[in-house]
Amino acid sequence: MAQTTKLLFFGHLRAEPNQHILHYRNGRLVREGAGLAFWFSRLSAAVAQVPVEDVETTFLLKERTRDLQEVTAQVTLRYRFADPQRAARRLNFTISLDTGQWAEKPLERLDGFWSQRAQDSAREYLAGVLLVEAVQHGAERVRAAIDAALRGDPEVQAMGLALVALQVIRVAPAAELEKALQTPTREALQQKADEAVFSRRALAVEKERAIKENEQETQVKLATGLALLIAQQGANQLLEVQRQAEAEKARVSAEAERQIIAAESAARSAGIKAAADAGALRAIADAKADGEARRVEVWKQATGRVLMGLALQEFAGKVRTIGHLNVTPNLFGDAFREMLIDQADKS
């Protein structure tokens, strides 16, 4: 608001740029404009202040539809003062010279004015439609109707006002009616939600079944692979055992053949050696027998003296091994007699 200062019978006023000031002296307009600052006589001056900026107001319109259901339209309206002098003549925008505040509340009166001027056009539309139509499309239709009515309203122009913008937020029925209207849609949405939940659960069950089947198939494949692996390992072990058995059999056979060959070789060697030893023994025995035969033959042909000499020679060779010897006179007597006889025959 404007700022005022008083000095005795005079006062000073300073307004902001968004405030249009109208200074009257003795009932005549002496100056006007936005953002003025001036001295004035407190005894003869009257000052009105009209806003320059846009003013916004919101109000509710309650009407009945064709099916006698009450609805409420929430309207937000923005306007400006196109002609401040005309507005100041129709409404009291006078300010106190002491405080700079409005003496009355002109903007609140304008809120009622706009609500009254918009009421008829909103009622005309809503009274011709059903509740569902009003709720679904009423906001835009009501806005268009009010906008057209206010822009062509001569009373608005007479007030020095101009409509800047208009918006109808919503057209809503009573709370219980709104809930009833929402119920079918809510139920349909809930049904769709339930169907979606059921579908999601069914899909989850189907996926879980597919996963379990896949797991079972995987387990079967693993079990089959394991069985094949075990069978192959058993076959490999059997082949290894057979190979080891064949190798052991070949080794044993080779060892047996080697031992047989060694035994045959040893037998042949033993036979050859035995034959050689037997031959040697036979040769020795034959030689001994031949020697003994010759010796006997020599002994047979030898004279007594020779025999004695041979006996003594044999005795001399065995004398060390003889432990006890008995010599009788007869032993040498016959031998000497024989020797003497032989000696005599030779002489």
Protein backbone atom coordinates (compact mmCIF):
# COMPACT_ATOMS: atom_id res chain seq x y z
CA MET A 1 0.00 0.00 0.00
CA ALA A 2 0.94 3.70 -0.24
CA GLN A 3 3.07 5.31 2.45
CA THR A 4 1.79 8.55 3.99
CA THR A 5 3.45 11.13 6.18
CA LYS A 6 1.63 13.99 7.89
CA LEU A 7 3.01 17.38 8.87
CA LEU A 8 0.46 19.63 10.61
CA PHE A 9 -2.28 20.21 8.03
CA PHE A 10 -0.29 18.76 5.19
CA GLY A 11 0.62 15.27 4.23
CA HIS A 12 2.95 13.47 1.86
CA LEU A 13 2.07 10.34 -0.09
CA ARG A 14 4.42 7.98 -1.93
CA ALA A 15 2.99 5.08 -3.99
CA GLU A 16 4.62 2.00 -5.50
CA PRO A 17 4.85 1.57 -9.29
CA ASN A 18 2.07 -1.07 -9.21
CA GLN A 19 -0.34 1.33 -7.51
CA HIS A 20 -2.45 3.76 -9.57
CA ILE A 21 -3.19 6.88 -7.50
CA LEU A 22 -6.12 9.23 -8.04
CA HIS A 23 -5.82 12.53 -6.10
CA TYR A 24 -9.03 14.48 -5.64
CA ARG A 25 -9.24 18.02 -4.25
CA ASN A 26 -12.62 19.36 -3.32
CA GLY A 27 -14.25 16.58 -5.37
CA ARG A 28 -12.20 17.20 -8.51
CA LEU A 29 -9.48 14.92 -9.89
CA VAL A 30 -6.27 16.94 -9.83
CA ARG A 31 -3.68 14.21 -10.52
CA GLU A 32 -3.46 10.49 -11.26
CA GLY A 33 -0.83 7.96 -12.20
CA ALA A 34 1.20 4.98 -11.00
CA GLY A 35 3.93 5.40 -8.42
CA LEU A 36 3.21 9.11 -7.64
CA ALA A 37 4.76 11.01 -4.77
CA PHE A 38 3.34 14.41 -3.75
CA TRP A 39 2.33 16.77 -0.96
CA PHE A 40 -1.33 17.43 -0.34
CA SER A 41 -3.61 19.32 2.01
CA ARG A 42 -5.18 16.99 4.48
CA LEU A 43 -8.22 19.21 4.81
CA SER A 44 -9.28 19.10 1.14
CA ALA A 45 -7.69 15.97 -0.35
CA ALA A 46 -9.14 12.53 -1.07
CA VAL A 47 -6.94 9.79 -2.49
CA ALA A 48 -7.97 6.51 -4.17
CA GLN A 49 -5.55 3.68 -4.91
CA VAL A 50 -6.31 1.15 -7.67
CA PRO A 51 -3.97 -1.85 -8.28
CA VAL A 52 -2.13 -1.88 -11.57
CA GLU A 53 -1.00 -5.54 -11.47
CA ASP A 54 -3.23 -8.51 -12.25
CA VAL A 55 -5.45 -9.72 -9.42
CA GLU A 56 -6.38 -13.37 -8.94
CA THR A 57 -9.46 -14.72 -7.23
CA THR A 58 -10.89 -18.23 -6.67
CA PHE A 59 -14.50 -19.09 -5.95
CA LEU A 60 -16.86 -22.09 -5.99
CA LEU A 61 -20.05 -22.43 -8.00
CA LYS A 62 -22.64 -24.94 -6.76
CA GLU A 63 -25.26 -26.05 -9.30
CA ARG A 64 -27.51 -29.01 -10.11
CA THR A 65 -27.29 -31.20 -13.16
CA ARG A 66 -30.19 -32.36 -15.29
CA ASP A 67 -30.61 -35.46 -13.08
CA LEU A 68 -30.83 -33.17 -10.01
CA GLN A 69 -27.39 -34.00 -8.63
CA GLU A 70 -25.41 -31.23 -6.99
CA VAL A 71 -21.97 -30.47 -8.36
CA THR A 72 -19.34 -27.90 -7.45
CA ALA A 73 -17.19 -26.05 -10.00
CA GLN A 74 -13.93 -24.56 -8.72
CA VAL A 75 -13.08 -21.44 -10.73
CA THR A 76 -9.82 -19.48 -10.69
CA LEU A 77 -10.01 -16.06 -12.40
CA ARG A 78 -7.33 -13.46 -13.09
CA TYR A 79 -8.30 -9.90 -14.01
CA ARG A 80 -6.94 -6.34 -14.16
CA PHE A 81 -8.26 -2.81 -13.94
CA ALA A 82 -8.46 -1.54 -17.50
CA ASP A 83 -9.95 1.83 -16.47
CA PRO A 84 -8.90 2.86 -12.93
CA GLN A 85 -11.15 6.00 -12.92
CA ARG A 86 -14.24 3.95 -13.80
CA ALA A 87 -13.32 1.30 -11.24
CA ALA A 88 -12.78 3.99 -8.59
CA ARG A 89 -16.24 5.40 -9.33
CA ARG A 90 -17.94 1.97 -9.01
CA LEU A 91 -15.98 0.75 -5.97
CA ASN A 92 -14.52 2.48 -3.00
CA PHE A 93 -10.72 2.41 -3.38
CA THR A 94 -10.24 5.38 -1.02
CA ILE A 95 -7.25 5.06 1.31
CA SER A 96 -6.78 6.48 4.78
CA LEU A 97 -4.52 9.52 4.72
CA ASP A 98 -3.12 8.47 8.08
CA THR A 99 -2.26 4.80 7.39
CA GLY A 100 -2.33 4.48 3.61
CA GLN A 101 -4.68 1.48 3.87
CA TRP A 102 -8.02 1.06 2.05
CA ALA A 103 -10.92 2.33 3.99
CA GLU A 104 -12.98 -0.66 2.77
CA LYS A 105 -12.19 -4.02 1.13
CA PRO A 106 -12.87 -3.47 -2.58
CA LEU A 107 -11.14 -6.62 -3.81
CA GLU A 108 -13.35 -8.83 -1.63
CA ARG A 109 -16.41 -7.14 -3.14
CA LEU A 110 -14.99 -7.86 -6.57
CA ASP A 111 -14.69 -11.57 -5.66
CA GLY A 112 -18.45 -11.63 -5.11
CA PHE A 113 -19.01 -9.66 -8.31
CA TRP A 114 -17.09 -12.16 -10.45
CA SER A 115 -18.85 -15.11 -8.79
CA GLN A 116 -22.28 -13.58 -9.53
CA ARG A 117 -21.43 -12.75 -13.17
CA ALA A 118 -20.12 -16.33 -13.77
CA GLN A 119 -23.02 -18.07 -12.03
CA ASP A 120 -25.60 -17.78 -14.81
CA SER A 121 -23.44 -19.22 -17.61
CA ALA A 122 -22.25 -22.13 -15.44
CA ARG A 123 -25.82 -22.90 -14.33
CA GLU A 124 -27.08 -22.83 -17.92
CA TYR A 125 -24.59 -25.48 -19.02
CA LEU A 126 -24.75 -27.76 -15.95
CA ALA A 127 -28.53 -27.80 -15.85
CA GLY A 128 -28.60 -29.30 -19.34
CA VAL A 129 -26.24 -32.28 -18.80
CA LEU A 130 -26.25 -35.41 -16.69
CA LEU A 131 -23.98 -35.92 -13.71
CA VAL A 132 -21.57 -38.24 -15.49
CA GLU A 133 -21.23 -35.83 -18.42
CA ALA A 134 -20.66 -32.91 -16.06
CA VAL A 135 -17.97 -34.77 -14.16
CA GLN A 136 -16.22 -36.11 -17.26
CA HIS A 137 -16.28 -33.02 -19.51
CA GLY A 138 -17.76 -30.28 -17.34
CA ALA A 139 -14.55 -28.44 -16.45
CA GLU A 140 -13.67 -27.44 -19.99
CA ARG A 141 -17.28 -26.79 -21.02
CA VAL A 142 -17.96 -24.63 -17.97
CA ARG A 143 -14.72 -22.71 -18.51
CA ALA A 144 -15.62 -21.97 -22.10
CA ALA A 145 -19.13 -20.85 -21.15
CA ILE A 146 -17.95 -18.56 -18.33
CA ASP A 147 -15.12 -17.12 -20.43
CA ALA A 148 -17.48 -16.22 -23.28
CA ALA A 149 -20.05 -14.74 -20.91
CA LEU A 150 -17.60 -12.56 -18.95
CA ARG A 151 -15.76 -11.22 -21.97
CA GLY A 152 -19.04 -10.06 -23.48
CA ASP A 153 -20.60 -8.86 -20.22
CA PRO A 154 -21.23 -5.04 -20.38
CA GLU A 155 -21.30 -4.85 -16.61
CA VAL A 156 -17.68 -6.01 -16.47
CA GLN A 157 -16.69 -3.24 -18.86
CA ALA A 158 -18.74 -0.72 -16.88
CA MET A 159 -16.72 -1.67 -13.82
CA GLY A 160 -13.54 -0.80 -15.67
CA LEU A 161 -12.40 -4.44 -15.46
CA ALA A 162 -10.83 -6.75 -18.04
CA LEU A 163 -10.63 -10.55 -17.87
CA VAL A 164 -7.06 -11.84 -18.24
CA ALA A 165 -7.42 -15.60 -17.75
CA LEU A 166 -9.95 -18.10 -16.54
CA GLN A 167 -9.55 -21.67 -15.38
CA VAL A 168 -12.05 -24.21 -14.03
CA ILE A 169 -10.09 -26.62 -11.88
CA ARG A 170 -12.73 -29.33 -11.65
CA VAL A 171 -16.43 -30.07 -11.55
CA ALA A 172 -17.02 -32.48 -8.70
CA PRO A 173 -20.15 -34.02 -7.21
CA ALA A 174 -20.74 -34.58 -3.50
CA ALA A 175 -18.32 -36.93 -1.79
CA GLU A 176 -20.73 -39.89 -1.62
CA LEU A 177 -21.76 -39.40 -5.26
CA GLU A 178 -18.16 -39.14 -6.34
CA LYS A 179 -17.36 -42.34 -4.48
CA ALA A 180 -20.35 -44.06 -6.13
CA LEU A 181 -19.19 -42.88 -9.55
CA GLN A 182 -15.71 -44.09 -8.83
CA THR A 183 -16.88 -47.51 -7.64
CA PRO A 184 -17.45 -49.13 -11.09
CA THR A 185 -14.16 -47.82 -12.35
CA ARG A 186 -12.44 -48.80 -9.12
CA GLU A 187 -13.99 -52.26 -9.30
CA ALA A 188 -13.01 -52.62 -12.95
CA LEU A 189 -9.49 -51.50 -12.15
CA GLN A 190 -9.41 -53.83 -9.16
CA GLN A 191 -10.64 -56.66 -11.35
CA LYS A 192 -7.95 -55.88 -13.90
CA ALA A 193 -5.44 -55.71 -11.08
CA ASP A 194 -6.64 -59.08 -9.78
CA GLU A 195 -6.47 -60.52 -13.27
CA ALA A 196 -2.98 -59.10 -13.61
CA VAL A 197 -2.04 -60.65 -10.26
CA PHE A 198 -3.55 -63.99 -11.29
CA SER A 199 -1.83 -63.79 -14.65
CA ARG A 200 1.44 -62.92 -12.95
CA ARG A 201 1.01 -65.82 -10.51
CA ALA A 202 0.07 -68.18 -13.34
CA LEU A 203 3.07 -67.00 -15.30
CA ALA A 204 5.25 -67.42 -12.22
CA VAL A 205 3.87 -70.94 -11.70
CA GLU A 206 4.43 -71.74 -15.37
CA LYS A 207 7.96 -70.40 -15.21
CA GLU A 208 8.59 -72.31 -11.99
CA ARG A 209 7.25 -75.48 -13.64
CA ALA A 210 9.47 -74.88 -16.65
CA ILE A 211 12.43 -74.30 -14.34
CA LYS A 212 11.69 -77.53 -12.42
CA GLU A 213 11.29 -79.45 -15.68
CA ASN A 214 14.55 -77.98 -16.88
CA GLU A 215 16.19 -78.94 -13.60
CA GLN A 216 14.78 -82.48 -13.87
CA GLU A 217 15.96 -82.76 -17.46
CA THR A 218 19.34 -81.50 -16.39
CA GLN A 219 19.44 -84.02 -13.53
CA VAL A 220 18.41 -86.82 -15.92
CA LYS A 221 21.11 -85.77 -18.36
CA LEU A 222 23.63 -85.60 -15.52
CA ALA A 223 22.52 -89.01 -14.22
CA THR A 224 22.70 -90.48 -17.73
CA GLY A 225 26.10 -88.95 -18.25
CA LEU A 226 27.22 -90.23 -14.85
CA ALA A 227 25.93 -93.73 -15.67
CA LEU A 228 27.76 -93.64 -19.01
CA LEU A 229 30.85 -92.38 -17.24
CA ILE A 230 30.65 -95.16 -14.62
CA ALA A 231 30.05 -97.76 -17.33
CA GLN A 232 32.95 -96.43 -19.34
CA GLN A 233 35.15 -96.36 -16.25
CA GLY A 234 34.11 -99.99 -15.48
CA ALA A 235 34.85 -100.99 -19.07
CA ASN A 236 38.18 -99.19 -18.89
CA GLN A 237 38.99 -100.91 -15.59
CA LEU A 238 37.95 -104.27 -17.05
CA LEU A 239 40.13 -103.67 -20.08
CA GLU A 240 42.95 -102.68 -17.78
CA VAL A 241 42.49 -105.84 -15.67
CA GLN A 242 42.32 -107.95 -18.83
CA ARG A 243 45.40 -106.21 -20.17
CA GLN A 244 47.22 -106.77 -16.89
CA ALA A 245 46.03 -110.41 -16.84
CA GLU A 246 47.20 -110.91 -20.43
CA ALA A 247 50.48 -109.24 -19.56
CA GLU A 248 50.84 -111.38 -16.42
CA LYS A 249 49.90 -114.48 -18.40
CA ALA A 250 52.44 -113.63 -21.07
CA ARG A 251 55.01 -112.94 -18.38
CA VAL A 252 54.26 -116.22 -16.56
CA SER A 253 54.30 -118.10 -19.86
CA ALA A 254 57.56 -116.49 -20.82
CA GLU A 255 58.97 -117.22 -17.37
CA ALA A 256 57.76 -120.83 -17.58
CA GLU A 257 59.21 -121.21 -21.04
CA ARG A 258 62.42 -119.64 -19.81
CA GLN A 259 62.52 -121.99 -16.84
CA ILE A 260 61.71 -124.95 -19.12
CA ILE A 261 64.46 -123.90 -21.49
CA ALA A 262 66.80 -123.34 -18.54
CA ALA A 263 65.82 -126.74 -17.10
CA GLU A 264 66.25 -128.44 -20.44
CA SER A 265 69.56 -126.67 -20.90
CA ALA A 266 70.59 -127.61 -17.37
CA ALA A 267 69.43 -131.19 -17.99
CA ARG A 268 71.33 -131.33 -21.23
CA SER A 269 74.33 -129.80 -19.52
CA ALA A 270 73.96 -132.22 -16.62
CA GLY A 271 73.53 -135.10 -19.08
CA ILE A 272 76.54 -134.04 -21.06
CA LYS A 273 78.50 -133.54 -17.86
CA ALA A 274 77.31 -136.86 -16.49
CA ALA A 275 78.13 -138.52 -19.78
CA ALA A 276 81.51 -136.81 -19.76
CA ASP A 277 82.10 -137.80 -16.12
CA ALA A 278 80.93 -141.32 -16.85
CA GLY A 279 83.21 -141.46 -19.85
CA ALA A 280 86.02 -140.09 -17.78
CA LEU A 281 85.28 -142.53 -14.99
CA ARG A 282 85.05 -145.37 -17.50
CA ALA A 283 88.30 -144.25 -19.04
CA ILE A 284 89.90 -144.00 -15.63
CA ALA A 285 88.38 -147.31 -14.59
CA ASP A 286 89.52 -148.89 -17.88
CA ALA A 287 92.92 -147.37 -17.40
CA LYS A 288 93.04 -148.63 -13.81
CA ALA A 289 91.77 -152.00 -14.87
CA ASP A 290 94.24 -152.11 -17.68
CA GLY A 291 96.96 -150.99 -15.33
CA GLU A 292 95.92 -153.57 -12.74
CA ALA A 293 95.76 -156.21 -15.42
CA ARG A 294 99.17 -155.31 -16.61
CA ARG A 295 100.33 -155.15 -13.04
CA VAL A 296 98.89 -158.50 -12.30
CA GLU A 297 100.47 -159.75 -15.47
CA VAL A 298 103.76 -158.27 -14.34
CA TRP A 299 103.29 -159.80 -10.94
CA LYS A 300 102.52 -163.12 -12.49
CA GLN A 301 105.68 -163.04 -14.60
CA ALA A 302 107.90 -161.51 -11.94
CA THR A 303 110.30 -163.55 -9.90
CA GLY A 304 110.25 -163.69 -6.16
CA ARG A 305 112.87 -161.08 -5.83
CA VAL A 306 111.02 -158.72 -8.08
CA LEU A 307 107.84 -159.36 -6.15
CA MET A 308 109.66 -158.66 -2.96
CA GLY A 309 110.96 -155.44 -4.34
CA LEU A 310 107.56 -154.42 -5.50
CA ALA A 311 106.10 -155.29 -2.14
CA LEU A 312 108.72 -153.28 -0.38
CA GLN A 313 108.15 -150.40 -2.75
CA GLU A 314 104.40 -150.55 -2.04
CA PHE A 315 105.12 -150.84 1.64
CA ALA A 316 107.40 -147.84 1.54
CA GLY A 317 104.62 -145.80 -0.03
CA LYS A 318 102.08 -146.75 2.69
CA VAL A 319 104.37 -146.90 5.67
CA ARG A 320 103.21 -143.57 7.10
CA THR A 321 99.58 -144.58 7.08
CA ILE A 322 100.18 -147.93 8.81
CA GLY A 323 99.39 -147.71 12.50
CA HIS A 324 100.49 -151.25 13.59
CA LEU A 325 102.56 -153.90 11.74
CA ASN A 326 103.40 -157.49 12.79
CA VAL A 327 106.49 -158.97 11.05
CA THR A 328 107.05 -162.74 11.35
CA PRO A 329 110.11 -164.77 10.29
CA ASN A 330 108.06 -166.63 7.81
CA LEU A 331 107.19 -163.46 5.99
CA PHE A 332 110.74 -162.73 4.87
CA GLY A 333 112.09 -166.28 5.04
CA ASP A 334 110.12 -167.50 2.08
CA ALA A 335 110.88 -164.37 0.22
CA PHE A 336 114.66 -164.65 0.76
CA ARG A 337 114.61 -168.29 -0.17
CA GLU A 338 112.85 -167.51 -3.34
CA MET A 339 115.30 -164.76 -4.11
CA LEU A 340 118.30 -166.96 -3.45
CA ILE A 341 116.92 -169.69 -5.67
CA ASP A 342 116.42 -167.25 -8.46
CA GLN A 343 119.91 -165.94 -8.00
CA ALA A 344 121.36 -169.39 -8.15
CA ASP A 345 119.49 -170.20 -11.34
CA LYS A 346 120.85 -167.15 -13.05
CA SER A 347 124.46 -167.91 -12.10
